[in-house]
Amino acid sequence: QAAKIRIDVDGRQRLAELICDGVLIATPAGSTAYNLSAHGPIVPLSAN
């Protein structure tokens, strides 16, 4: 079964329902790993 996930950022709901296999948050150093394979953006170290 696909997952259903609500996403809140800084206490504010940003996405009521994401239907997906999953979701991730990466560090800048980790943005070239699983994040990149999932078609996420590469983030420079200094980007904050």
ModelCIF file with pLDDT and N, C-alpha, C, O atoms, coordinates in Angstrom:
data_MODEL
#
_entry.id   MODEL 
#
_entity.id                         1 
_entity.type                       polymer 
_entity.pdbx_number_of_molecules   1 
#
_entity_poly.entity_id                      1 
_entity_poly.type                           'polypeptide(L)' 
_entity_poly.nstd_linkage                   no 
_entity_poly.nstd_monomer                   no 
_entity_poly.pdbx_seq_one_letter_code       QAAKIRIDVDGRQRLAELICDGVLIATPAGSTAYNLSAHGPIVPLSAN 
_entity_poly.pdbx_seq_one_letter_code_can   QAAKIRIDVDGRQRLAELICDGVLIATPAGSTAYNLSAHGPIVPLSAN 
_entity_poly.pdbx_strand_id                 A 
#
loop_
_entity_poly_seq.entity_id 
_entity_poly_seq.num 
_entity_poly_seq.mon_id 
_entity_poly_seq.hetero 
1 1  GLN n 
1 2  ALA n 
1 3  ALA n 
1 4  LYS n 
1 5  ILE n 
1 6  ARG n 
1 7  ILE n 
1 8  ASP n 
1 9  VAL n 
1 10 ASP n 
1 11 GLY n 
1 12 ARG n 
1 13 GLN n 
1 14 ARG n 
1 15 LEU n 
1 16 ALA n 
1 17 GLU n 
1 18 LEU n 
1 19 ILE n 
1 20 CYS n 
1 21 ASP n 
1 22 GLY n 
1 23 VAL n 
1 24 LEU n 
1 25 ILE n 
1 26 ALA n 
1 27 THR n 
1 28 PRO n 
1 29 ALA n 
1 30 GLY n 
1 31 SER n 
1 32 THR n 
1 33 ALA n 
1 34 TYR n 
1 35 ASN n 
1 36 LEU n 
1 37 SER n 
1 38 ALA n 
1 39 HIS n 
1 40 GLY n 
1 41 PRO n 
1 42 ILE n 
1 43 VAL n 
1 44 PRO n 
1 45 LEU n 
1 46 SER n 
1 47 ALA n 
1 48 ASN n 
#
_struct_asym.id          A 
_struct_asym.entity_id   1 
#
loop_
_ma_qa_metric.id 
_ma_qa_metric.mode 
_ma_qa_metric.name 
_ma_qa_metric.software_group_id 
_ma_qa_metric.type 
1 global pLDDT . pLDDT 
2 local  pLDDT . pLDDT 
#
_ma_qa_metric_global.metric_id      1 
_ma_qa_metric_global.metric_value   94.15 
_ma_qa_metric_global.model_id       1 
_ma_qa_metric_global.ordinal_id     1 
#
loop_
_ma_qa_metric_local.label_asym_id 
_ma_qa_metric_local.label_comp_id 
_ma_qa_metric_local.label_seq_id 
_ma_qa_metric_local.metric_id 
_ma_qa_metric_local.metric_value 
_ma_qa_metric_local.model_id 
_ma_qa_metric_local.ordinal_id 
A GLN 1  2 95.00 1 1  
A ALA 2  2 97.00 1 2  
A ALA 3  2 97.00 1 3  
A LYS 4  2 98.00 1 4  
A ILE 5  2 98.00 1 5  
A ARG 6  2 98.00 1 6  
A ILE 7  2 98.00 1 7  
A ASP 8  2 98.00 1 8  
A VAL 9  2 98.00 1 9  
A ASP 10 2 98.00 1 10 
A GLY 11 2 97.00 1 11 
A ARG 12 2 98.00 1 12 
A GLN 13 2 98.00 1 13 
A ARG 14 2 97.00 1 14 
A LEU 15 2 97.00 1 15 
A ALA 16 2 97.00 1 16 
A GLU 17 2 97.00 1 17 
A LEU 18 2 97.00 1 18 
A ILE 19 2 97.00 1 19 
A CYS 20 2 97.00 1 20 
A ASP 21 2 97.00 1 21 
A GLY 22 2 97.00 1 22 
A VAL 23 2 98.00 1 23 
A LEU 24 2 98.00 1 24 
A ILE 25 2 98.00 1 25 
A ALA 26 2 97.00 1 26 
A THR 27 2 95.00 1 27 
A PRO 28 2 91.00 1 28 
A ALA 29 2 90.00 1 29 
A GLY 30 2 91.00 1 30 
A SER 31 2 92.00 1 31 
A THR 32 2 89.00 1 32 
A ALA 33 2 90.00 1 33 
A TYR 34 2 93.00 1 34 
A ASN 35 2 93.00 1 35 
A LEU 36 2 91.00 1 36 
A SER 37 2 93.00 1 37 
A ALA 38 2 94.00 1 38 
A HIS 39 2 93.00 1 39 
A GLY 40 2 93.00 1 40 
A PRO 41 2 93.00 1 41 
A ILE 42 2 91.00 1 42 
A VAL 43 2 91.00 1 43 
A PRO 44 2 86.00 1 44 
A LEU 45 2 83.00 1 45 
A SER 46 2 82.00 1 46 
A ALA 47 2 84.00 1 47 
A ASN 48 2 89.00 1 48 
#
loop_
_atom_site.group_PDB 
_atom_site.id 
_atom_site.type_symbol 
_atom_site.label_atom_id 
_atom_site.label_alt_id 
_atom_site.label_comp_id 
_atom_site.label_asym_id 
_atom_site.label_entity_id 
_atom_site.label_seq_id 
_atom_site.pdbx_PDB_ins_code 
_atom_site.Cartn_x 
_atom_site.Cartn_y 
_atom_site.Cartn_z 
_atom_site.occupancy 
_atom_site.B_iso_or_equiv 
_atom_site.pdbx_formal_charge 
_atom_site.auth_seq_id 
_atom_site.auth_comp_id 
_atom_site.auth_asym_id 
_atom_site.auth_atom_id 
_atom_site.pdbx_PDB_model_num 
ATOM 1   N N  . GLN A 1 1  ? 0.828  -1.195 0.000  1.00 95.00 ? 1  GLN A N  1 
ATOM 2   C CA . GLN A 1 1  ? 0.000  0.000  0.000  1.00 95.00 ? 1  GLN A CA 1 
ATOM 3   C C  . GLN A 1 1  ? 0.868  1.252  0.000  1.00 95.00 ? 1  GLN A C  1 
ATOM 4   O O  . GLN A 1 1  ? 1.840  1.339  0.750  1.00 95.00 ? 1  GLN A O  1 
ATOM 5   N N  . ALA A 1 2  ? 0.516  2.225  -0.844 1.00 97.00 ? 2  ALA A N  1 
ATOM 6   C CA . ALA A 1 2  ? 1.212  3.505  -0.833 1.00 97.00 ? 2  ALA A CA 1 
ATOM 7   C C  . ALA A 1 2  ? 1.039  4.190  0.521  1.00 97.00 ? 2  ALA A C  1 
ATOM 8   O O  . ALA A 1 2  ? 0.024  4.013  1.195  1.00 97.00 ? 2  ALA A O  1 
ATOM 9   N N  . ALA A 1 3  ? 2.033  4.965  0.902  1.00 97.00 ? 3  ALA A N  1 
ATOM 10  C CA . ALA A 1 3  ? 1.951  5.725  2.149  1.00 97.00 ? 3  ALA A CA 1 
ATOM 11  C C  . ALA A 1 3  ? 1.148  7.003  1.934  1.00 97.00 ? 3  ALA A C  1 
ATOM 12  O O  . ALA A 1 3  ? 1.115  7.559  0.836  1.00 97.00 ? 3  ALA A O  1 
ATOM 13  N N  . LYS A 1 4  ? 0.504  7.453  3.004  1.00 98.00 ? 4  LYS A N  1 
ATOM 14  C CA . LYS A 1 4  ? -0.155 8.757  3.012  1.00 98.00 ? 4  LYS A CA 1 
ATOM 15  C C  . LYS A 1 4  ? 0.455  9.568  4.149  1.00 98.00 ? 4  LYS A C  1 
ATOM 16  O O  . LYS A 1 4  ? 0.401  9.161  5.310  1.00 98.00 ? 4  LYS A O  1 
ATOM 17  N N  . ILE A 1 5  ? 1.034  10.718 3.809  1.00 98.00 ? 5  ILE A N  1 
ATOM 18  C CA . ILE A 1 5  ? 1.829  11.480 4.766  1.00 98.00 ? 5  ILE A CA 1 
ATOM 19  C C  . ILE A 1 5  ? 1.442  12.948 4.712  1.00 98.00 ? 5  ILE A C  1 
ATOM 20  O O  . ILE A 1 5  ? 1.361  13.537 3.634  1.00 98.00 ? 5  ILE A O  1 
ATOM 21  N N  . ARG A 1 6  ? 1.202  13.536 5.880  1.00 98.00 ? 6  ARG A N  1 
ATOM 22  C CA . ARG A 1 6  ? 0.999  14.974 5.976  1.00 98.00 ? 6  ARG A CA 1 
ATOM 23  C C  . ARG A 1 6  ? 2.330  15.639 6.309  1.00 98.00 ? 6  ARG A C  1 
ATOM 24  O O  . ARG A 1 6  ? 3.124  15.102 7.081  1.00 98.00 ? 6  ARG A O  1 
ATOM 25  N N  . ILE A 1 7  ? 2.569  16.811 5.720  1.00 98.00 ? 7  ILE A N  1 
ATOM 26  C CA . ILE A 1 7  ? 3.843  17.505 5.928  1.00 98.00 ? 7  ILE A CA 1 
ATOM 27  C C  . ILE A 1 7  ? 3.584  18.865 6.554  1.00 98.00 ? 7  ILE A C  1 
ATOM 28  O O  . ILE A 1 7  ? 2.850  19.686 6.005  1.00 98.00 ? 7  ILE A O  1 
ATOM 29  N N  . ASP A 1 8  ? 4.202  19.094 7.723  1.00 98.00 ? 8  ASP A N  1 
ATOM 30  C CA . ASP A 1 8  ? 4.162  20.395 8.392  1.00 98.00 ? 8  ASP A CA 1 
ATOM 31  C C  . ASP A 1 8  ? 5.574  20.948 8.485  1.00 98.00 ? 8  ASP A C  1 
ATOM 32  O O  . ASP A 1 8  ? 6.514  20.204 8.767  1.00 98.00 ? 8  ASP A O  1 
ATOM 33  N N  . VAL A 1 9  ? 5.732  22.242 8.251  1.00 98.00 ? 9  VAL A N  1 
ATOM 34  C CA . VAL A 1 9  ? 7.030  22.918 8.362  1.00 98.00 ? 9  VAL A CA 1 
ATOM 35  C C  . VAL A 1 9  ? 6.879  24.092 9.316  1.00 98.00 ? 9  VAL A C  1 
ATOM 36  O O  . VAL A 1 9  ? 6.055  24.982 9.104  1.00 98.00 ? 9  VAL A O  1 
ATOM 37  N N  . ASP A 1 10 ? 7.683  24.081 10.365 1.00 98.00 ? 10 ASP A N  1 
ATOM 38  C CA . ASP A 1 10 ? 7.644  25.142 11.380 1.00 98.00 ? 10 ASP A CA 1 
ATOM 39  C C  . ASP A 1 10 ? 6.225  25.330 11.927 1.00 98.00 ? 10 ASP A C  1 
ATOM 40  O O  . ASP A 1 10 ? 5.767  26.456 12.122 1.00 98.00 ? 10 ASP A O  1 
ATOM 41  N N  . GLY A 1 11 ? 5.540  24.206 12.170 1.00 97.00 ? 11 GLY A N  1 
ATOM 42  C CA . GLY A 1 11 ? 4.223  24.242 12.774 1.00 97.00 ? 11 GLY A CA 1 
ATOM 43  C C  . GLY A 1 11 ? 3.083  24.596 11.837 1.00 97.00 ? 11 GLY A C  1 
ATOM 44  O O  . GLY A 1 11 ? 1.942  24.737 12.277 1.00 97.00 ? 11 GLY A O  1 
ATOM 45  N N  . ARG A 1 12 ? 3.374  24.743 10.559 1.00 98.00 ? 12 ARG A N  1 
ATOM 46  C CA . ARG A 1 12 ? 2.338  25.114 9.589  1.00 98.00 ? 12 ARG A CA 1 
ATOM 47  C C  . ARG A 1 12 ? 2.161  23.987 8.580  1.00 98.00 ? 12 ARG A C  1 
ATOM 48  O O  . ARG A 1 12 ? 3.139  23.511 8.005  1.00 98.00 ? 12 ARG A O  1 
ATOM 49  N N  . GLN A 1 13 ? 0.932  23.562 8.363  1.00 98.00 ? 13 GLN A N  1 
ATOM 50  C CA . GLN A 1 13 ? 0.684  22.500 7.392  1.00 98.00 ? 13 GLN A CA 1 
ATOM 51  C C  . GLN A 1 13 ? 0.988  22.998 5.988  1.00 98.00 ? 13 GLN A C  1 
ATOM 52  O O  . GLN A 1 13 ? 0.463  24.020 5.547  1.00 98.00 ? 13 GLN A O  1 
ATOM 53  N N  . ARG A 1 14 ? 1.850  22.252 5.291  1.00 97.00 ? 14 ARG A N  1 
ATOM 54  C CA . ARG A 1 14 ? 2.220  22.623 3.930  1.00 97.00 ? 14 ARG A CA 1 
ATOM 55  C C  . ARG A 1 14 ? 1.647  21.675 2.889  1.00 97.00 ? 14 ARG A C  1 
ATOM 56  O O  . ARG A 1 14 ? 1.410  22.076 1.750  1.00 97.00 ? 14 ARG A O  1 
ATOM 57  N N  . LEU A 1 15 ? 1.423  20.426 3.265  1.00 97.00 ? 15 LEU A N  1 
ATOM 58  C CA . LEU A 1 15 ? 0.833  19.457 2.352  1.00 97.00 ? 15 LEU A CA 1 
ATOM 59  C C  . LEU A 1 15 ? -0.065 18.537 3.163  1.00 97.00 ? 15 LEU A C  1 
ATOM 60  O O  . LEU A 1 15 ? 0.403  17.797 4.028  1.00 97.00 ? 15 LEU A O  1 
ATOM 61  N N  . ALA A 1 16 ? -1.360 18.591 2.876  1.00 97.00 ? 16 ALA A N  1 
ATOM 62  C CA . ALA A 1 16 ? -2.318 17.842 3.690  1.00 97.00 ? 16 ALA A CA 1 
ATOM 63  C C  . ALA A 1 16 ? -2.176 16.339 3.489  1.00 97.00 ? 16 ALA A C  1 
ATOM 64  O O  . ALA A 1 16 ? -2.364 15.565 4.428  1.00 97.00 ? 16 ALA A O  1 
ATOM 65  N N  . GLU A 1 17 ? -1.842 15.922 2.259  1.00 97.00 ? 17 GLU A N  1 
ATOM 66  C CA . GLU A 1 17 ? -1.744 14.489 2.002  1.00 97.00 ? 17 GLU A CA 1 
ATOM 67  C C  . GLU A 1 17 ? -0.821 14.242 0.808  1.00 97.00 ? 17 GLU A C  1 
ATOM 68  O O  . GLU A 1 17 ? -1.120 14.645 -0.316 1.00 97.00 ? 17 GLU A O  1 
ATOM 69  N N  . LEU A 1 18 ? 0.288  13.584 1.067  1.00 97.00 ? 18 LEU A N  1 
ATOM 70  C CA . LEU A 1 18 ? 1.194  13.124 0.019  1.00 97.00 ? 18 LEU A CA 1 
ATOM 71  C C  . LEU A 1 18 ? 1.030  11.614 -0.098 1.00 97.00 ? 18 LEU A C  1 
ATOM 72  O O  . LEU A 1 18 ? 1.308  10.885 0.854  1.00 97.00 ? 18 LEU A O  1 
ATOM 73  N N  . ILE A 1 19 ? 0.582  11.139 -1.256 1.00 97.00 ? 19 ILE A N  1 
ATOM 74  C CA . ILE A 1 19 ? 0.464  9.704  -1.508 1.00 97.00 ? 19 ILE A CA 1 
ATOM 75  C C  . ILE A 1 19 ? 1.702  9.287  -2.284 1.00 97.00 ? 19 ILE A C  1 
ATOM 76  O O  . ILE A 1 19 ? 1.956  9.798  -3.375 1.00 97.00 ? 19 ILE A O  1 
ATOM 77  N N  . CYS A 1 20 ? 2.473  8.362  -1.729 1.00 97.00 ? 20 CYS A N  1 
ATOM 78  C CA . CYS A 1 20 ? 3.810  8.142  -2.262 1.00 97.00 ? 20 CYS A CA 1 
ATOM 79  C C  . CYS A 1 20 ? 4.387  6.819  -1.767 1.00 97.00 ? 20 CYS A C  1 
ATOM 80  O O  . CYS A 1 20 ? 3.802  6.149  -0.916 1.00 97.00 ? 20 CYS A O  1 
ATOM 81  N N  . ASP A 1 21 ? 5.541  6.458  -2.314 1.00 97.00 ? 21 ASP A N  1 
ATOM 82  C CA . ASP A 1 21 ? 6.315  5.370  -1.727 1.00 97.00 ? 21 ASP A CA 1 
ATOM 83  C C  . ASP A 1 21 ? 7.034  5.850  -0.472 1.00 97.00 ? 21 ASP A C  1 
ATOM 84  O O  . ASP A 1 21 ? 7.280  5.071  0.449  1.00 97.00 ? 21 ASP A O  1 
ATOM 85  N N  . GLY A 1 22 ? 7.371  7.143  -0.441 1.00 97.00 ? 22 GLY A N  1 
ATOM 86  C CA . GLY A 1 22 ? 8.065  7.691  0.720  1.00 97.00 ? 22 GLY A CA 1 
ATOM 87  C C  . GLY A 1 22 ? 8.440  9.134  0.505  1.00 97.00 ? 22 GLY A C  1 
ATOM 88  O O  . GLY A 1 22 ? 8.017  9.759  -0.467 1.00 97.00 ? 22 GLY A O  1 
ATOM 89  N N  . VAL A 1 23 ? 9.239  9.667  1.420  1.00 98.00 ? 23 VAL A N  1 
ATOM 90  C CA . VAL A 1 23 ? 9.684  11.051 1.358  1.00 98.00 ? 23 VAL A CA 1 
ATOM 91  C C  . VAL A 1 23 ? 10.982 11.151 2.150  1.00 98.00 ? 23 VAL A C  1 
ATOM 92  O O  . VAL A 1 23 ? 11.206 10.376 3.079  1.00 98.00 ? 23 VAL A O  1 
ATOM 93  N N  . LEU A 1 24 ? 11.835 12.102 1.785  1.00 98.00 ? 24 LEU A N  1 
ATOM 94  C CA . LEU A 1 24 ? 13.112 12.225 2.491  1.00 98.00 ? 24 LEU A CA 1 
ATOM 95  C C  . LEU A 1 24 ? 13.508 13.677 2.661  1.00 98.00 ? 24 LEU A C  1 
ATOM 96  O O  . LEU A 1 24 ? 13.065 14.559 1.925  1.00 98.00 ? 24 LEU A O  1 
ATOM 97  N N  . ILE A 1 25 ? 14.354 13.898 3.651  1.00 98.00 ? 25 ILE A N  1 
ATOM 98  C CA . ILE A 1 25 ? 15.057 15.164 3.837  1.00 98.00 ? 25 ILE A CA 1 
ATOM 99  C C  . ILE A 1 25 ? 16.540 14.841 3.882  1.00 98.00 ? 25 ILE A C  1 
ATOM 100 O O  . ILE A 1 25 ? 16.961 13.951 4.622  1.00 98.00 ? 25 ILE A O  1 
ATOM 101 N N  . ALA A 1 26 ? 17.331 15.554 3.099  1.00 97.00 ? 26 ALA A N  1 
ATOM 102 C CA . ALA A 1 26 ? 18.769 15.295 3.027  1.00 97.00 ? 26 ALA A CA 1 
ATOM 103 C C  . ALA A 1 26 ? 19.562 16.488 3.527  1.00 97.00 ? 26 ALA A C  1 
ATOM 104 O O  . ALA A 1 26 ? 19.095 17.626 3.471  1.00 97.00 ? 26 ALA A O  1 
ATOM 105 N N  . THR A 1 27 ? 20.757 16.222 4.012  1.00 95.00 ? 27 THR A N  1 
ATOM 106 C CA . THR A 1 27 ? 21.724 17.280 4.258  1.00 95.00 ? 27 THR A CA 1 
ATOM 107 C C  . THR A 1 27 ? 22.314 17.703 2.914  1.00 95.00 ? 27 THR A C  1 
ATOM 108 O O  . THR A 1 27 ? 22.159 16.978 1.932  1.00 95.00 ? 27 THR A O  1 
ATOM 109 N N  . PRO A 1 28 ? 22.987 18.857 2.840  1.00 91.00 ? 28 PRO A N  1 
ATOM 110 C CA . PRO A 1 28 ? 23.674 19.198 1.588  1.00 91.00 ? 28 PRO A CA 1 
ATOM 111 C C  . PRO A 1 28 ? 24.683 18.123 1.163  1.00 91.00 ? 28 PRO A C  1 
ATOM 112 O O  . PRO A 1 28 ? 24.766 17.781 -0.017 1.00 91.00 ? 28 PRO A O  1 
ATOM 113 N N  . ALA A 1 29 ? 25.446 17.592 2.125  1.00 90.00 ? 29 ALA A N  1 
ATOM 114 C CA . ALA A 1 29 ? 26.406 16.538 1.783  1.00 90.00 ? 29 ALA A CA 1 
ATOM 115 C C  . ALA A 1 29 ? 25.698 15.294 1.282  1.00 90.00 ? 29 ALA A C  1 
ATOM 116 O O  . ALA A 1 29 ? 26.222 14.593 0.416  1.00 90.00 ? 29 ALA A O  1 
ATOM 117 N N  . GLY A 1 30 ? 24.507 15.007 1.816  1.00 91.00 ? 30 GLY A N  1 
ATOM 118 C CA . GLY A 1 30 ? 23.753 13.841 1.397  1.00 91.00 ? 30 GLY A CA 1 
ATOM 119 C C  . GLY A 1 30 ? 22.852 14.075 0.196  1.00 91.00 ? 30 GLY A C  1 
ATOM 120 O O  . GLY A 1 30 ? 22.187 13.150 -0.270 1.00 91.00 ? 30 GLY A O  1 
ATOM 121 N N  . SER A 1 31 ? 22.825 15.302 -0.307 1.00 92.00 ? 31 SER A N  1 
ATOM 122 C CA . SER A 1 31 ? 21.917 15.600 -1.418 1.00 92.00 ? 31 SER A CA 1 
ATOM 123 C C  . SER A 1 31 ? 22.334 14.913 -2.709 1.00 92.00 ? 31 SER A C  1 
ATOM 124 O O  . SER A 1 31 ? 21.535 14.813 -3.640 1.00 92.00 ? 31 SER A O  1 
ATOM 125 N N  . THR A 1 32 ? 23.590 14.432 -2.781 1.00 89.00 ? 32 THR A N  1 
ATOM 126 C CA . THR A 1 32 ? 24.054 13.733 -3.981 1.00 89.00 ? 32 THR A CA 1 
ATOM 127 C C  . THR A 1 32 ? 23.837 12.225 -3.881 1.00 89.00 ? 32 THR A C  1 
ATOM 128 O O  . THR A 1 32 ? 24.215 11.488 -4.791 1.00 89.00 ? 32 THR A O  1 
ATOM 129 N N  . ALA A 1 33 ? 23.238 11.761 -2.797 1.00 90.00 ? 33 ALA A N  1 
ATOM 130 C CA . ALA A 1 33 ? 23.056 10.319 -2.594 1.00 90.00 ? 33 ALA A CA 1 
ATOM 131 C C  . ALA A 1 33 ? 21.617 9.917  -2.936 1.00 90.00 ? 33 ALA A C  1 
ATOM 132 O O  . ALA A 1 33 ? 21.190 10.093 -4.077 1.00 90.00 ? 33 ALA A O  1 
ATOM 133 N N  . TYR A 1 34 ? 20.869 9.385  -1.978 1.00 93.00 ? 34 TYR A N  1 
ATOM 134 C CA . TYR A 1 34 ? 19.497 8.923  -2.221 1.00 93.00 ? 34 TYR A CA 1 
ATOM 135 C C  . TYR A 1 34 ? 18.636 10.051 -2.774 1.00 93.00 ? 34 TYR A C  1 
ATOM 136 O O  . TYR A 1 34 ? 17.814 9.827  -3.662 1.00 93.00 ? 34 TYR A O  1 
ATOM 137 N N  . ASN A 1 35 ? 18.820 11.257 -2.256 1.00 93.00 ? 35 ASN A N  1 
ATOM 138 C CA . ASN A 1 35 ? 18.061 12.411 -2.717 1.00 93.00 ? 35 ASN A CA 1 
ATOM 139 C C  . ASN A 1 35 ? 18.193 12.608 -4.228 1.00 93.00 ? 35 ASN A C  1 
ATOM 140 O O  . ASN A 1 35 ? 17.202 12.850 -4.917 1.00 93.00 ? 35 ASN A O  1 
ATOM 141 N N  . LEU A 1 36 ? 19.409 12.505 -4.734 1.00 91.00 ? 36 LEU A N  1 
ATOM 142 C CA . LEU A 1 36 ? 19.626 12.675 -6.173 1.00 91.00 ? 36 LEU A CA 1 
ATOM 143 C C  . LEU A 1 36 ? 18.977 11.545 -6.964 1.00 91.00 ? 36 LEU A C  1 
ATOM 144 O O  . LEU A 1 36 ? 18.410 11.778 -8.032 1.00 91.00 ? 36 LEU A O  1 
ATOM 145 N N  . SER A 1 37 ? 19.059 10.318 -6.441 1.00 93.00 ? 37 SER A N  1 
ATOM 146 C CA . SER A 1 37 ? 18.423 9.178  -7.119 1.00 93.00 ? 37 SER A CA 1 
ATOM 147 C C  . SER A 1 37 ? 16.909 9.339  -7.179 1.00 93.00 ? 37 SER A C  1 
ATOM 148 O O  . SER A 1 37 ? 16.262 8.831  -8.095 1.00 93.00 ? 37 SER A O  1 
ATOM 149 N N  . ALA A 1 38 ? 16.346 10.047 -6.201 1.00 94.00 ? 38 ALA A N  1 
ATOM 150 C CA . ALA A 1 38 ? 14.900 10.305 -6.186 1.00 94.00 ? 38 ALA A CA 1 
ATOM 151 C C  . ALA A 1 38 ? 14.539 11.578 -6.954 1.00 94.00 ? 38 ALA A C  1 
ATOM 152 O O  . ALA A 1 38 ? 13.421 12.083 -6.847 1.00 94.00 ? 38 ALA A O  1 
ATOM 153 N N  . HIS A 1 39 ? 15.505 12.093 -7.735 1.00 93.00 ? 39 HIS A N  1 
ATOM 154 C CA . HIS A 1 39 ? 15.322 13.283 -8.575 1.00 93.00 ? 39 HIS A CA 1 
ATOM 155 C C  . HIS A 1 39 ? 15.203 14.563 -7.756 1.00 93.00 ? 39 HIS A C  1 
ATOM 156 O O  . HIS A 1 39 ? 14.573 15.528 -8.190 1.00 93.00 ? 39 HIS A O  1 
ATOM 157 N N  . GLY A 1 40 ? 15.812 14.570 -6.566 1.00 93.00 ? 40 GLY A N  1 
ATOM 158 C CA . GLY A 1 40 ? 15.876 15.789 -5.778 1.00 93.00 ? 40 GLY A CA 1 
ATOM 159 C C  . GLY A 1 40 ? 17.048 16.657 -6.202 1.00 93.00 ? 40 GLY A C  1 
ATOM 160 O O  . GLY A 1 40 ? 17.943 16.171 -6.894 1.00 93.00 ? 40 GLY A O  1 
ATOM 161 N N  . PRO A 1 41 ? 17.073 17.925 -5.809 1.00 93.00 ? 41 PRO A N  1 
ATOM 162 C CA . PRO A 1 41 ? 18.132 18.843 -6.218 1.00 93.00 ? 41 PRO A CA 1 
ATOM 163 C C  . PRO A 1 41 ? 19.415 18.632 -5.416 1.00 93.00 ? 41 PRO A C  1 
ATOM 164 O O  . PRO A 1 41 ? 19.375 18.277 -4.238 1.00 93.00 ? 41 PRO A O  1 
ATOM 165 N N  . ILE A 1 42 ? 20.541 18.853 -6.069 1.00 91.00 ? 42 ILE A N  1 
ATOM 166 C CA . ILE A 1 42 ? 21.821 18.887 -5.373 1.00 91.00 ? 42 ILE A CA 1 
ATOM 167 C C  . ILE A 1 42 ? 21.967 20.261 -4.720 1.00 91.00 ? 42 ILE A C  1 
ATOM 168 O O  . ILE A 1 42 ? 21.688 21.284 -5.345 1.00 91.00 ? 42 ILE A O  1 
ATOM 169 N N  . VAL A 1 43 ? 22.406 20.279 -3.459 1.00 91.00 ? 43 VAL A N  1 
ATOM 170 C CA . VAL A 1 43 ? 22.479 21.525 -2.694 1.00 91.00 ? 43 VAL A CA 1 
ATOM 171 C C  . VAL A 1 43 ? 23.930 21.821 -2.321 1.00 91.00 ? 43 VAL A C  1 
ATOM 172 O O  . VAL A 1 43 ? 24.569 20.981 -1.687 1.00 91.00 ? 43 VAL A O  1 
ATOM 173 N N  . PRO A 1 44 ? 24.474 22.980 -2.691 1.00 86.00 ? 44 PRO A N  1 
ATOM 174 C CA . PRO A 1 44 ? 25.828 23.353 -2.267 1.00 86.00 ? 44 PRO A CA 1 
ATOM 175 C C  . PRO A 1 44 ? 25.933 23.437 -0.747 1.00 86.00 ? 44 PRO A C  1 
ATOM 176 O O  . PRO A 1 44 ? 24.952 23.726 -0.062 1.00 86.00 ? 44 PRO A O  1 
ATOM 177 N N  . LEU A 1 45 ? 27.133 23.180 -0.230 1.00 83.00 ? 45 LEU A N  1 
ATOM 178 C CA . LEU A 1 45 ? 27.333 23.174 1.226  1.00 83.00 ? 45 LEU A CA 1 
ATOM 179 C C  . LEU A 1 45 ? 26.985 24.514 1.857  1.00 83.00 ? 45 LEU A C  1 
ATOM 180 O O  . LEU A 1 45 ? 26.468 24.560 2.973  1.00 83.00 ? 45 LEU A O  1 
ATOM 181 N N  . SER A 1 46 ? 27.266 25.604 1.151  1.00 82.00 ? 46 SER A N  1 
ATOM 182 C CA . SER A 1 46 ? 27.090 26.937 1.735  1.00 82.00 ? 46 SER A CA 1 
ATOM 183 C C  . SER A 1 46 ? 25.679 27.480 1.576  1.00 82.00 ? 46 SER A C  1 
ATOM 184 O O  . SER A 1 46 ? 25.421 28.625 1.950  1.00 82.00 ? 46 SER A O  1 
ATOM 185 N N  . ALA A 1 47 ? 24.754 26.687 1.031  1.00 84.00 ? 47 ALA A N  1 
ATOM 186 C CA . ALA A 1 47 ? 23.438 27.214 0.671  1.00 84.00 ? 47 ALA A CA 1 
ATOM 187 C C  . ALA A 1 47 ? 22.497 27.375 1.860  1.00 84.00 ? 47 ALA A C  1 
ATOM 188 O O  . ALA A 1 47 ? 21.502 28.092 1.749  1.00 84.00 ? 47 ALA A O  1 
ATOM 189 N N  . ASN A 1 48 ? 22.781 26.727 3.008  1.00 89.00 ? 48 ASN A N  1 
ATOM 190 C CA . ASN A 1 48 ? 21.876 26.784 4.158  1.00 89.00 ? 48 ASN A CA 1 
ATOM 191 C C  . ASN A 1 48 ? 20.476 26.282 3.803  1.00 89.00 ? 48 ASN A C  1 
ATOM 192 O O  . ASN A 1 48 ? 19.591 26.263 4.659  1.00 89.00 ? 48 ASN A O  1 
#
